[in-house]
Amino acid sequence: MTYELTDRKQKCVICLSSDTEGEKQMDSMLDPDYIRTRPRRRNNNPPRSNQNMEIETVFPGVDGISIGRKRRAPWKRANNGNEELKAKPRKRRKPAFRLSRSITQSKSDEKTVLSLLMNQNAIFEYDRVQYSVDNGPSLKEGIARRDGIWCRCCNKLMTVWEFEIHAGSNLKMPYFNIKMVRTSKSLLNLLVALCEIEEAERRHFNHVGPIPGATDANDDACQICADGGELICCENCPSTFHPSCLEMESIPQGDWLCPYCVCIFCDGGNRDMLTCQQCQKKFHWECFLERQPIDLKIYWLTQFCGPNCEQIDCKLHRLIGVKHEIKEGFSWTLLRRLDPFDDIDVQTRMECNSKSALALEVLNECFMSCTDRHTRINILQSVVYNRGSNLSRMNFEGFYTLILEKKDAIVSAATIRMHKNDLAEMPYIATRERYRCMGLSRMLFDALRYVFSCIGAKHLVIPSLPELANMWQEKYGFRPIDDVVKQKLMTYNTLMFPGTIRLQMTFPDTSASSSRAMDIGANKESRLKLPLLDLNLSPPEAADDELAEPVPYGKQIKSD
């Protein structure tokens, strides 16, 4: 059964005085196309006015009897045409605390420890904080923002360390003494709870194993150049090499051990060997006793292959977490993922681990996903968290992260690893997009020179795309690797990417000033004002055609 759609524009009103009209209304309501519309309700309560006029309104009633009622006249704008009527303002309670516009104008994309806590919902933006010692009275109060703490007494934005100094304290424990007013928890307690959740991910070990059912358990990429092809396999580990990368004239017959599976003293190989914590080289304990008969107990406990690696590790350990002020609010810090059993205080450990996570975010913004095509391991994350592996090519222990900060916000980061004092590598360096073309890369390189002067490093190698090799050589002083560095690359485990080339930078001999540099670097009491020797840390003016960072060696950069 079909119906024709009809337009119902005219309203039908039921009138009780006529039965015929009521029947028509009932018939229309039985029509399936009928839509009943309700008339608009009249405003029977108009606003009050000083002039109360009563008018009579007539409504149709039953049996033709009209019903009248009185209502007040509409509200008028003017009284007697002269003075304007104004409503009496309603009293409102004054809020106890109100955020000004200057407080709420925070930069939401800054990479600070406070922003990390806010992203994890540990604290909320614009929460009230206070600085108090041992649950004592509040010395200063402020507002937590992503880019710092807004002081309520002077209406200025400060860093966490500046807020402690502003409170009149010299304890150098801001994360322990700055507490949330809402929860009475310190920032240090919130960081400990946050790091415990991510600790399992950071302690992850890159175990590489063959696919179930596979007959070949060796790696599919060369240890030195990271490319595939015809490879020779080590009998002791899954590492593989190109004969040309090792400069072999002929393929060895019988069992062959790679350079990472032999003793650095006797070139012999067996499974009863120790691994140096600094250079990751293996050695026999008997061979070590023959060549290093001094203070053996220390080396046995720390498992270093010699005094050289022990001194490098000690010097770098002293620089971890020390903040070096430069100028105009910029500072640099050497970071490393720290474990609970490391001999470092809790505040430094939590700050280093939190800023390492922030540095990873900065590098992820600038580089595409760096996943190894053979093992499917996240290389960038493993480098920042210095994860180990049973495969030498995926073993990233010994990596450090050097960050450049502006008012506690990370603006640039680089990853470095030292192999004794002969060779150092830097596979990643990046600057956030909003801070590019400001000379920050040169400032970061000056900080790297300071670190390398402390340990006496001689050569720095980087992987670079071929089309960017001229830029590195002209602006930063890199050059193609020579035969001396090429021989060292065969014996050290360095990170390489397919389709890239290696460049090197040679540092002058800084052995005379390295001891004086470490005396300054070891002084953690000068955390906020630490001189940087004779290094020219004032970056030169950036050229107009300077390449926007990050420098994309190793991987391609994300394009907008």
Protein backbone atom coordinates (compact mmCIF):
# COMPACT_ATOMS: atom_id res chain seq x y z
CA MET A 1 0.00 0.00 0.00
CA THR A 2 1.49 3.33 -1.04
CA TYR A 3 0.85 6.86 -0.02
CA GLU A 4 1.46 10.14 -1.71
CA LEU A 5 3.65 12.57 0.16
CA THR A 6 1.80 15.77 0.85
CA ASP A 7 3.02 19.03 2.27
CA ARG A 8 1.59 19.85 5.68
CA LYS A 9 2.26 23.54 6.09
CA GLN A 10 -1.02 24.59 7.62
CA LYS A 11 -1.52 23.70 11.24
CA CYS A 12 -4.79 22.05 12.20
CA VAL A 13 -6.23 23.19 15.51
CA ILE A 14 -8.79 21.13 17.39
CA CYS A 15 -11.89 23.11 18.24
CA LEU A 16 -14.27 21.47 20.70
CA SER A 17 -17.29 23.60 19.64
CA SER A 18 -17.84 21.72 16.34
CA ASP A 19 -18.06 17.95 15.94
CA THR A 20 -17.49 18.12 12.19
CA GLU A 21 -14.19 19.88 12.51
CA GLY A 22 -13.11 17.42 15.18
CA GLU A 23 -13.83 14.51 12.86
CA LYS A 24 -11.75 16.16 10.13
CA GLN A 25 -8.89 16.57 12.56
CA MET A 26 -9.13 12.92 13.61
CA ASP A 27 -9.12 11.80 9.96
CA SER A 28 -6.01 13.82 9.29
CA MET A 29 -4.26 12.25 12.25
CA LEU A 30 -4.98 8.79 10.86
CA ASP A 31 -3.10 9.71 7.69
CA PRO A 32 0.35 8.03 7.89
CA ASP A 33 1.95 11.09 6.23
CA TYR A 34 0.64 13.40 8.88
CA ILE A 35 3.24 15.02 11.13
CA ARG A 36 1.94 16.90 14.06
CA THR A 37 3.74 20.14 14.82
CA ARG A 38 3.53 21.79 18.17
CA PRO A 39 2.87 25.52 18.23
CA ARG A 40 5.58 27.77 19.65
CA ARG A 41 5.09 28.47 23.31
CA ARG A 42 4.50 32.04 24.23
CA ASN A 43 6.69 33.86 26.67
CA ASN A 44 4.29 34.43 29.53
CA ASN A 45 7.00 35.69 31.92
CA PRO A 46 8.65 38.74 30.33
CA PRO A 47 11.37 40.67 32.15
CA ARG A 48 10.29 42.95 34.89
CA SER A 49 10.09 46.69 34.44
CA ASN A 50 9.31 49.63 36.63
CA GLN A 51 6.26 50.43 34.52
CA ASN A 52 3.77 47.62 35.19
CA MET A 53 1.04 47.82 32.58
CA GLU A 54 -1.67 45.20 32.45
CA ILE A 55 -3.23 44.28 29.12
CA GLU A 56 -6.02 41.86 28.34
CA THR A 57 -5.54 38.95 25.99
CA VAL A 58 -8.58 37.07 24.59
CA PHE A 59 -8.36 33.34 23.86
CA PRO A 60 -11.11 31.27 22.18
CA GLY A 61 -12.86 29.07 24.68
CA VAL A 62 -15.43 26.32 24.67
CA ASP A 63 -18.79 26.97 22.98
CA GLY A 64 -17.65 30.36 21.74
CA ILE A 65 -16.98 31.74 25.22
CA SER A 66 -13.80 33.79 25.27
CA ILE A 67 -11.50 33.56 28.23
CA GLY A 68 -9.47 36.61 29.19
CA ARG A 69 -6.43 36.90 31.46
CA LYS A 70 -4.12 39.68 32.43
CA ARG A 71 -0.34 39.76 31.97
CA ARG A 72 2.37 42.32 32.35
CA ALA A 73 3.61 44.43 29.49
CA PRO A 74 6.87 43.56 27.78
CA TRP A 75 10.12 44.88 29.26
CA LYS A 76 11.08 48.28 27.88
CA ARG A 77 14.53 49.62 27.22
CA ALA A 78 13.84 53.14 28.42
CA ASN A 79 11.89 54.53 31.35
CA ASN A 80 9.85 57.57 30.34
CA GLY A 81 12.15 57.93 27.36
CA ASN A 82 14.96 59.52 29.41
CA GLU A 83 16.93 57.12 31.60
CA GLU A 84 18.02 53.62 30.68
CA LEU A 85 17.07 50.69 32.88
CA LYS A 86 19.96 48.51 34.08
CA ALA A 87 19.72 45.12 35.71
CA LYS A 88 21.25 44.84 39.14
CA PRO A 89 24.62 43.02 38.85
CA ARG A 90 24.79 39.63 40.48
CA LYS A 91 27.44 39.17 43.13
CA ARG A 92 29.92 36.42 42.38
CA ARG A 93 32.44 34.82 44.65
CA LYS A 94 36.00 35.80 43.87
CA PRO A 95 38.09 32.71 42.97
CA ALA A 96 40.86 31.78 45.34
CA PHE A 97 43.40 31.53 42.49
CA ARG A 98 43.20 32.67 38.89
CA LEU A 99 45.70 32.00 36.09
CA SER A 100 46.79 35.06 34.18
CA ARG A 101 47.20 35.04 30.43
CA SER A 102 50.99 35.22 30.69
CA ILE A 103 51.05 32.02 32.77
CA THR A 104 48.97 30.01 30.30
CA GLN A 105 51.09 31.01 27.29
CA SER A 106 53.41 28.00 27.61
CA LYS A 107 55.14 26.19 24.78
CA SER A 108 53.47 22.80 24.67
CA ASP A 109 56.15 21.09 22.55
CA GLU A 110 59.19 21.71 24.74
CA LYS A 111 61.14 18.58 25.72
CA THR A 112 61.62 19.00 29.49
CA VAL A 113 61.33 16.66 32.46
CA LEU A 114 58.10 18.39 33.45
CA SER A 115 56.61 17.82 30.00
CA LEU A 116 57.54 14.13 30.27
CA LEU A 117 55.63 13.88 33.55
CA MET A 118 52.66 15.68 32.02
CA ASN A 119 52.60 13.42 28.97
CA GLN A 120 52.44 10.40 31.28
CA ASN A 121 49.65 12.03 33.36
CA ALA A 122 51.86 12.00 36.46
CA ILE A 123 51.12 15.70 36.93
CA PHE A 124 48.80 18.15 35.21
CA GLU A 125 49.73 21.37 33.51
CA TYR A 126 49.29 24.48 35.68
CA ASP A 127 49.39 22.44 38.88
CA ARG A 128 50.57 24.34 41.92
CA VAL A 129 54.01 23.42 43.26
CA GLN A 130 56.00 24.56 46.25
CA TYR A 131 59.58 24.31 47.44
CA SER A 132 59.93 23.00 50.98
CA VAL A 133 62.73 21.21 52.83
CA ASP A 134 61.91 18.15 54.95
CA ASN A 135 58.14 18.82 54.96
CA GLY A 136 58.77 22.27 56.36
CA PRO A 137 57.02 25.51 55.46
CA SER A 138 56.71 26.51 51.84
CA LEU A 139 59.58 28.77 50.79
CA LYS A 140 58.30 29.54 47.30
CA GLU A 141 55.20 28.63 45.30
CA GLY A 142 54.79 28.37 41.56
CA ILE A 143 52.86 26.92 38.67
CA ALA A 144 54.11 23.84 36.79
CA ARG A 145 54.29 24.36 33.04
CA ARG A 146 55.78 22.30 30.27
CA ASP A 147 58.66 24.70 29.76
CA GLY A 148 59.43 25.36 33.44
CA ILE A 149 57.98 26.69 36.68
CA TRP A 150 56.19 30.03 36.81
CA CYS A 151 57.02 31.77 40.08
CA ARG A 152 54.01 33.40 41.71
CA CYS A 153 55.92 36.03 43.65
CA CYS A 154 57.86 37.57 40.76
CA ASN A 155 55.82 36.35 37.76
CA LYS A 156 58.82 34.90 35.92
CA LEU A 157 59.46 31.59 34.21
CA MET A 158 62.30 29.59 35.77
CA THR A 159 63.92 26.23 35.36
CA VAL A 160 63.77 23.63 38.11
CA TRP A 161 67.30 24.48 39.26
CA GLU A 162 66.67 28.24 39.12
CA PHE A 163 63.51 27.84 41.16
CA GLU A 164 65.54 26.17 43.91
CA ILE A 165 68.05 29.02 43.95
CA HIS A 166 65.19 31.52 43.94
CA ALA A 167 63.81 29.79 47.05
CA GLY A 168 67.07 30.55 48.84
CA SER A 169 68.34 26.97 49.01
CA ASN A 170 71.74 25.62 47.98
CA LEU A 171 71.03 21.93 48.57
CA LYS A 172 71.15 21.15 44.81
CA MET A 173 68.20 18.76 45.18
CA PRO A 174 65.34 20.46 43.33
CA TYR A 175 63.52 17.31 42.29
CA PHE A 176 63.49 16.08 45.87
CA ASN A 177 62.29 19.34 47.48
CA ILE A 178 59.79 20.58 44.87
CA LYS A 179 56.45 19.04 45.77
CA MET A 180 52.98 19.10 44.30
CA VAL A 181 50.45 20.99 46.41
CA ARG A 182 47.62 18.75 45.26
CA THR A 183 49.22 15.39 46.11
CA SER A 184 52.13 16.39 48.39
CA LYS A 185 54.45 14.20 46.27
CA SER A 186 57.86 15.38 45.17
CA LEU A 187 58.99 15.41 41.56
CA LEU A 188 61.60 12.79 42.42
CA ASN A 189 58.95 10.35 43.66
CA LEU A 190 56.97 10.85 40.47
CA LEU A 191 60.08 10.24 38.35
CA VAL A 192 60.91 7.06 40.28
CA ALA A 193 57.39 5.72 39.73
CA LEU A 194 57.55 6.63 36.04
CA CYS A 195 60.97 5.09 35.46
CA GLU A 196 59.99 1.85 37.17
CA ILE A 197 57.27 1.37 34.56
CA GLU A 198 59.71 1.88 31.66
CA GLU A 199 62.62 0.05 33.28
CA ALA A 200 61.66 -3.28 31.72
CA GLU A 201 61.77 -1.74 28.24
CA ARG A 202 65.09 -0.02 28.87
CA ARG A 203 66.73 -3.18 30.18
CA HIS A 204 65.68 -5.13 27.12
CA PHE A 205 68.44 -7.31 25.63
CA ASN A 206 68.63 -7.63 21.84
CA HIS A 207 68.73 -11.39 21.48
CA VAL A 208 69.10 -12.49 17.88
CA GLY A 209 68.28 -16.08 16.98
CA PRO A 210 67.55 -18.01 13.81
CA ILE A 211 64.04 -18.47 12.52
CA PRO A 212 62.51 -21.81 13.60
CA GLY A 213 63.39 -24.38 10.98
CA ALA A 214 66.25 -22.35 9.46
CA THR A 215 69.50 -24.13 8.72
CA ASP A 216 71.70 -21.01 8.76
CA ALA A 217 72.06 -19.25 12.16
CA ASN A 218 74.50 -16.57 10.98
CA ASP A 219 73.78 -12.92 10.23
CA ASP A 220 72.77 -11.81 6.74
CA ALA A 221 74.72 -8.51 6.77
CA CYS A 222 78.40 -7.68 6.98
CA GLN A 223 79.61 -6.52 10.36
CA ILE A 224 81.65 -3.66 8.86
CA CYS A 225 79.58 -2.27 5.95
CA ALA A 226 76.08 -3.61 6.93
CA ASP A 227 75.44 -4.87 3.36
CA GLY A 228 74.70 -8.38 2.17
CA GLY A 229 76.33 -10.55 -0.46
CA GLU A 230 78.97 -13.26 -0.29
CA LEU A 231 79.96 -13.45 3.38
CA ILE A 232 82.28 -15.55 5.49
CA CYS A 233 80.95 -16.76 8.83
CA CYS A 234 82.58 -16.87 12.21
CA GLU A 235 82.66 -20.24 13.93
CA ASN A 236 82.10 -18.78 17.39
CA CYS A 237 79.42 -16.09 16.88
CA PRO A 238 76.71 -15.25 14.30
CA SER A 239 78.78 -12.40 12.77
CA THR A 240 79.57 -12.39 9.06
CA PHE A 241 82.03 -10.35 6.97
CA HIS A 242 82.92 -9.53 3.41
CA PRO A 243 86.43 -10.76 2.61
CA SER A 244 87.08 -7.41 0.91
CA CYS A 245 86.07 -5.49 4.07
CA LEU A 246 88.73 -7.42 6.00
CA GLU A 247 91.19 -7.03 3.11
CA MET A 248 91.56 -10.80 2.74
CA GLU A 249 93.37 -11.97 -0.35
CA SER A 250 91.91 -15.48 -0.04
CA ILE A 251 89.13 -17.10 1.91
CA PRO A 252 90.51 -18.94 4.96
CA GLN A 253 90.04 -22.67 5.10
CA GLY A 254 88.82 -24.55 8.18
CA ASP A 255 87.56 -22.88 11.34
CA TRP A 256 87.83 -19.11 11.28
CA LEU A 257 87.22 -16.69 14.17
CA CYS A 258 86.28 -13.09 13.65
CA PRO A 259 88.26 -10.19 15.23
CA TYR A 260 85.66 -9.93 18.02
CA CYS A 261 86.10 -13.53 19.19
CA VAL A 262 89.86 -13.59 19.70
CA CYS A 263 91.98 -12.38 22.60
CA ILE A 264 93.40 -8.90 22.13
CA PHE A 265 96.69 -10.05 23.63
CA CYS A 266 97.43 -13.42 22.00
CA ASP A 267 94.94 -13.53 19.06
CA GLY A 268 93.81 -16.95 20.30
CA GLY A 269 90.19 -17.93 20.62
CA ASN A 270 88.26 -20.04 23.08
CA ARG A 271 85.13 -19.56 25.16
CA ASP A 272 86.94 -18.91 28.47
CA MET A 273 87.44 -15.20 27.95
CA LEU A 274 86.35 -11.98 29.65
CA THR A 275 84.79 -8.95 27.97
CA CYS A 276 85.96 -5.41 28.65
CA GLN A 277 83.14 -3.13 29.77
CA GLN A 278 84.53 -0.14 27.87
CA CYS A 279 85.80 -1.36 24.50
CA GLN A 280 83.83 -4.67 24.40
CA LYS A 281 87.00 -6.56 23.43
CA LYS A 282 87.66 -10.07 24.75
CA PHE A 283 90.79 -11.24 26.55
CA HIS A 284 92.18 -14.17 28.50
CA TRP A 285 92.66 -13.62 32.18
CA GLU A 286 96.02 -15.36 32.02
CA CYS A 287 97.18 -13.08 29.23
CA PHE A 288 96.04 -10.09 31.24
CA LEU A 289 98.06 -11.17 34.26
CA GLU A 290 101.18 -11.42 32.16
CA ARG A 291 100.91 -7.91 30.76
CA GLN A 292 99.19 -5.94 33.56
CA PRO A 293 100.64 -7.03 36.92
CA ILE A 294 99.39 -3.94 38.81
CA ASP A 295 96.41 -3.56 41.11
CA LEU A 296 94.76 -6.70 39.73
CA LYS A 297 91.89 -6.65 42.18
CA ILE A 298 90.39 -3.48 40.73
CA TYR A 299 90.50 -4.79 37.18
CA TRP A 300 89.06 -8.12 38.25
CA LEU A 301 86.05 -6.47 39.84
CA THR A 302 85.42 -4.02 36.99
CA GLN A 303 86.53 -6.32 34.16
CA PHE A 304 88.57 -3.85 32.10
CA CYS A 305 91.18 -5.01 29.68
CA GLY A 306 93.74 -2.53 30.96
CA PRO A 307 94.40 0.82 32.66
CA ASN A 308 93.53 2.72 29.49
CA CYS A 309 89.91 1.53 29.39
CA GLU A 310 89.61 1.88 33.15
CA GLN A 311 90.66 5.54 33.01
CA ILE A 312 88.34 6.33 30.11
CA ASP A 313 85.39 4.79 31.92
CA CYS A 314 86.25 6.68 35.11
CA LYS A 315 86.51 10.03 33.31
CA LEU A 316 83.26 9.56 31.45
CA HIS A 317 81.56 8.41 34.63
CA ARG A 318 82.49 11.70 36.29
CA LEU A 319 80.93 13.70 33.47
CA ILE A 320 77.57 11.90 33.55
CA GLY A 321 74.78 14.21 34.68
CA VAL A 322 77.04 17.28 35.14
CA LYS A 323 75.42 20.34 33.60
CA HIS A 324 77.82 22.68 31.80
CA GLU A 325 76.54 26.23 31.34
CA ILE A 326 77.61 27.99 28.14
CA LYS A 327 75.83 31.28 27.49
CA GLU A 328 72.38 32.73 26.75
CA GLY A 329 70.72 29.96 28.72
CA PHE A 330 72.34 27.11 26.76
CA SER A 331 74.01 24.17 28.48
CA TRP A 332 75.17 20.67 27.59
CA THR A 333 75.10 17.42 29.56
CA LEU A 334 76.50 13.94 28.98
CA LEU A 335 73.87 11.24 29.62
CA ARG A 336 73.74 7.49 29.85
CA ARG A 337 71.03 5.09 30.91
CA LEU A 338 71.78 4.18 34.50
CA ASP A 339 70.76 1.13 36.47
CA PRO A 340 69.81 1.07 40.17
CA PHE A 341 73.11 -0.61 41.10
CA ASP A 342 75.21 2.21 39.55
CA ASP A 343 77.20 4.29 42.02
CA ILE A 344 75.21 7.50 41.37
CA ASP A 345 72.67 9.27 43.56
CA VAL A 346 68.98 8.74 42.90
CA GLN A 347 68.28 12.28 41.66
CA THR A 348 71.04 12.18 39.04
CA ARG A 349 69.99 8.70 37.94
CA MET A 350 66.34 9.70 37.52
CA GLU A 351 67.27 12.91 35.71
CA CYS A 352 69.61 11.08 33.32
CA ASN A 353 67.06 8.36 32.52
CA SER A 354 64.28 10.91 31.99
CA LYS A 355 66.38 13.11 29.71
CA SER A 356 67.53 10.03 27.80
CA ALA A 357 63.89 9.31 27.01
CA LEU A 358 63.44 12.92 25.91
CA ALA A 359 66.55 12.73 23.72
CA LEU A 360 65.05 9.66 22.06
CA GLU A 361 61.92 11.67 21.28
CA VAL A 362 64.02 14.43 19.71
CA LEU A 363 65.88 11.93 17.51
CA ASN A 364 62.65 10.19 16.54
CA GLU A 365 61.24 13.52 15.39
CA CYS A 366 64.16 14.08 13.04
CA PHE A 367 64.92 10.58 11.72
CA MET A 368 62.73 8.01 10.10
CA SER A 369 62.15 4.68 11.79
CA CYS A 370 65.59 3.11 12.11
CA THR A 371 64.78 -0.59 12.13
CA ASP A 372 67.31 -3.15 11.00
CA ARG A 373 66.00 -4.92 7.93
CA HIS A 374 67.42 -8.30 8.95
CA THR A 375 66.83 -8.51 12.70
CA ARG A 376 63.88 -6.01 12.93
CA ILE A 377 65.54 -4.33 15.93
CA ASN A 378 64.96 -0.66 16.62
CA ILE A 379 68.49 0.68 16.23
CA LEU A 380 67.87 4.22 17.45
CA GLN A 381 66.16 3.09 20.64
CA SER A 382 68.85 0.51 21.31
CA VAL A 383 71.60 3.10 20.86
CA VAL A 384 70.07 5.60 23.29
CA TYR A 385 69.39 2.88 25.87
CA ASN A 386 72.84 1.22 25.16
CA ARG A 387 71.39 -2.28 24.88
CA GLY A 388 73.55 -5.33 24.53
CA SER A 389 73.14 -8.26 22.15
CA ASN A 390 74.58 -11.66 21.38
CA LEU A 391 75.17 -10.40 17.83
CA SER A 392 78.11 -7.99 17.67
CA ARG A 393 76.48 -5.86 14.98
CA MET A 394 73.47 -5.25 17.25
CA ASN A 395 75.52 -4.76 20.43
CA PHE A 396 75.22 -1.07 21.41
CA GLU A 397 76.72 -1.13 24.87
CA GLY A 398 79.02 1.79 25.65
CA PHE A 399 76.94 4.50 23.94
CA TYR A 400 76.49 7.91 25.55
CA THR A 401 74.07 10.70 24.65
CA LEU A 402 75.20 14.32 24.56
CA ILE A 403 72.33 16.82 24.76
CA LEU A 404 72.19 20.57 24.29
CA GLU A 405 69.56 22.35 26.39
CA LYS A 406 68.05 25.80 26.49
CA LYS A 407 66.39 26.51 29.82
CA ASP A 408 66.02 22.78 30.61
CA ALA A 409 64.46 22.10 27.18
CA ILE A 410 66.42 19.70 24.95
CA VAL A 411 67.06 21.30 21.56
CA SER A 412 69.81 19.07 20.13
CA ALA A 413 71.21 15.59 20.79
CA ALA A 414 74.03 13.33 19.59
CA THR A 415 75.01 9.74 20.35
CA ILE A 416 78.69 8.86 20.81
CA ARG A 417 80.74 5.78 21.70
CA MET A 418 84.43 5.60 22.55
CA HIS A 419 86.67 2.67 21.56
CA LYS A 420 89.67 3.13 23.84
CA ASN A 421 91.28 6.49 23.07
CA ASP A 422 92.04 5.65 19.45
CA LEU A 423 88.61 5.90 17.93
CA ALA A 424 85.18 7.40 18.65
CA GLU A 425 81.99 7.19 16.61
CA MET A 426 78.91 9.40 16.33
CA PRO A 427 76.10 7.71 14.34
CA TYR A 428 73.31 10.20 15.18
CA ILE A 429 73.11 13.97 15.62
CA ALA A 430 69.96 16.06 15.31
CA THR A 431 68.49 19.47 16.16
CA ARG A 432 64.81 20.21 16.57
CA GLU A 433 63.22 21.98 13.62
CA ARG A 434 62.37 25.21 15.42
CA TYR A 435 66.01 25.63 16.56
CA ARG A 436 67.73 24.93 13.26
CA CYS A 437 70.02 27.37 11.40
CA MET A 438 71.07 28.96 14.70
CA GLY A 439 74.60 27.53 14.94
CA LEU A 440 73.65 24.93 17.55
CA SER A 441 75.41 22.12 15.72
CA ARG A 442 78.72 23.95 16.03
CA MET A 443 78.01 24.52 19.69
CA LEU A 444 77.37 20.80 20.11
CA PHE A 445 80.59 19.95 18.27
CA ASP A 446 82.54 22.20 20.64
CA ALA A 447 81.08 20.26 23.56
CA LEU A 448 82.13 17.03 21.82
CA ARG A 449 85.68 18.33 21.51
CA TYR A 450 85.69 19.00 25.23
CA VAL A 451 84.60 15.44 26.01
CA PHE A 452 87.14 13.98 23.61
CA SER A 453 89.87 16.15 25.12
CA CYS A 454 89.10 14.61 28.52
CA ILE A 455 89.67 11.07 27.28
CA GLY A 456 92.34 11.91 24.70
CA ALA A 457 90.44 10.66 21.65
CA LYS A 458 92.29 10.92 18.36
CA HIS A 459 89.77 10.14 15.61
CA LEU A 460 86.01 10.56 15.20
CA VAL A 461 84.14 8.64 12.48
CA ILE A 462 80.60 9.21 11.24
CA PRO A 463 78.41 7.51 8.59
CA SER A 464 77.24 9.96 5.93
CA LEU A 465 75.14 9.91 2.82
CA PRO A 466 77.30 10.35 -0.29
CA GLU A 467 75.49 13.51 -1.36
CA LEU A 468 76.24 15.18 1.99
CA ALA A 469 79.93 14.32 2.14
CA ASN A 470 80.97 17.71 0.70
CA MET A 471 78.99 19.54 3.36
CA TRP A 472 80.73 17.66 6.15
CA GLN A 473 84.15 18.28 4.65
CA GLU A 474 83.69 21.99 3.96
CA LYS A 475 81.87 23.13 7.10
CA TYR A 476 82.94 20.71 9.82
CA GLY A 477 86.42 19.61 8.76
CA PHE A 478 85.73 15.92 8.05
CA ARG A 479 87.58 13.99 5.38
CA PRO A 480 87.55 10.46 3.91
CA ILE A 481 88.99 7.79 6.15
CA ASP A 482 92.66 6.95 5.76
CA ASP A 483 94.38 3.58 6.00
CA VAL A 484 95.14 3.94 9.71
CA VAL A 485 91.49 4.46 10.66
CA LYS A 486 90.40 1.78 8.20
CA GLN A 487 92.55 -0.78 9.98
CA LYS A 488 90.99 0.20 13.31
CA LEU A 489 87.47 -0.18 11.94
CA MET A 490 88.20 -3.83 11.24
CA THR A 491 88.81 -4.56 14.91
CA TYR A 492 86.20 -2.32 16.59
CA ASN A 493 82.44 -2.75 16.55
CA THR A 494 81.07 0.42 14.92
CA LEU A 495 77.54 1.22 13.73
CA MET A 496 77.11 1.45 9.97
CA PHE A 497 74.10 1.85 7.66
CA PRO A 498 73.60 0.46 4.14
CA GLY A 499 74.29 2.92 1.35
CA THR A 500 76.48 5.26 3.42
CA ILE A 501 80.16 6.13 3.53
CA ARG A 502 82.44 6.85 6.47
CA LEU A 503 84.16 10.15 7.18
CA GLN A 504 86.71 10.96 9.84
CA MET A 505 87.86 13.94 11.90
CA THR A 506 91.28 13.98 13.56
CA PHE A 507 91.70 15.83 16.84
CA PRO A 508 94.95 17.48 17.95
CA ASP A 509 96.93 15.98 20.78
CA THR A 510 95.22 17.11 24.01
CA SER A 511 97.11 14.93 26.46
CA ALA A 512 98.63 17.99 28.17
CA SER A 513 95.27 19.56 28.92
CA SER A 514 93.22 16.40 29.51
CA SER A 515 94.25 16.10 33.16
CA ARG A 516 93.38 19.76 33.82
CA ALA A 517 90.07 19.28 32.05
CA MET A 518 89.16 16.33 34.24
CA ASP A 519 89.89 18.30 37.40
CA ILE A 520 87.23 20.75 36.33
CA GLY A 521 84.83 18.12 35.01
CA ALA A 522 85.03 16.06 38.19
CA ASN A 523 83.87 18.99 40.33
CA LYS A 524 80.14 18.37 40.52
CA GLU A 525 79.70 21.21 43.01
CA SER A 526 80.09 23.65 40.11
CA ARG A 527 77.03 22.24 38.43
CA LEU A 528 75.48 25.49 37.29
CA LYS A 529 78.62 27.42 36.36
CA LEU A 530 81.28 25.12 34.93
CA PRO A 531 84.03 26.68 32.79
CA LEU A 532 84.98 24.97 29.56
CA LEU A 533 88.75 25.54 29.34
CA ASP A 534 90.00 27.29 26.22
CA LEU A 535 87.41 25.80 23.89
CA ASN A 536 85.64 28.33 21.72
CA LEU A 537 82.09 27.55 22.75
CA SER A 538 80.72 30.74 21.19
CA PRO A 539 79.25 29.40 17.94
CA PRO A 540 80.07 31.35 14.78
CA GLU A 541 77.32 33.01 12.87
CA ALA A 542 75.33 30.49 10.90
CA ALA A 543 75.59 30.83 7.16
CA ASP A 544 72.48 31.55 5.16
CA ASP A 545 72.89 28.33 3.24
CA GLU A 546 73.64 26.21 6.31
CA LEU A 547 72.03 22.82 6.11
CA ALA A 548 68.98 22.51 8.31
CA GLU A 549 69.69 19.89 10.91
CA PRO A 550 69.51 17.03 11.69
CA VAL A 551 72.30 15.92 9.42
CA PRO A 552 70.86 12.85 7.70
CA TYR A 553 73.72 10.42 7.63
CA GLY A 554 72.77 6.82 8.13
CA LYS A 555 69.07 7.32 7.45
CA GLN A 556 66.85 9.67 5.54
CA ILE A 557 65.13 12.57 7.21
CA LYS A 558 61.41 12.87 7.49
CA SER A 559 60.05 15.20 4.88
CA ASP A 560 57.07 17.42 5.46
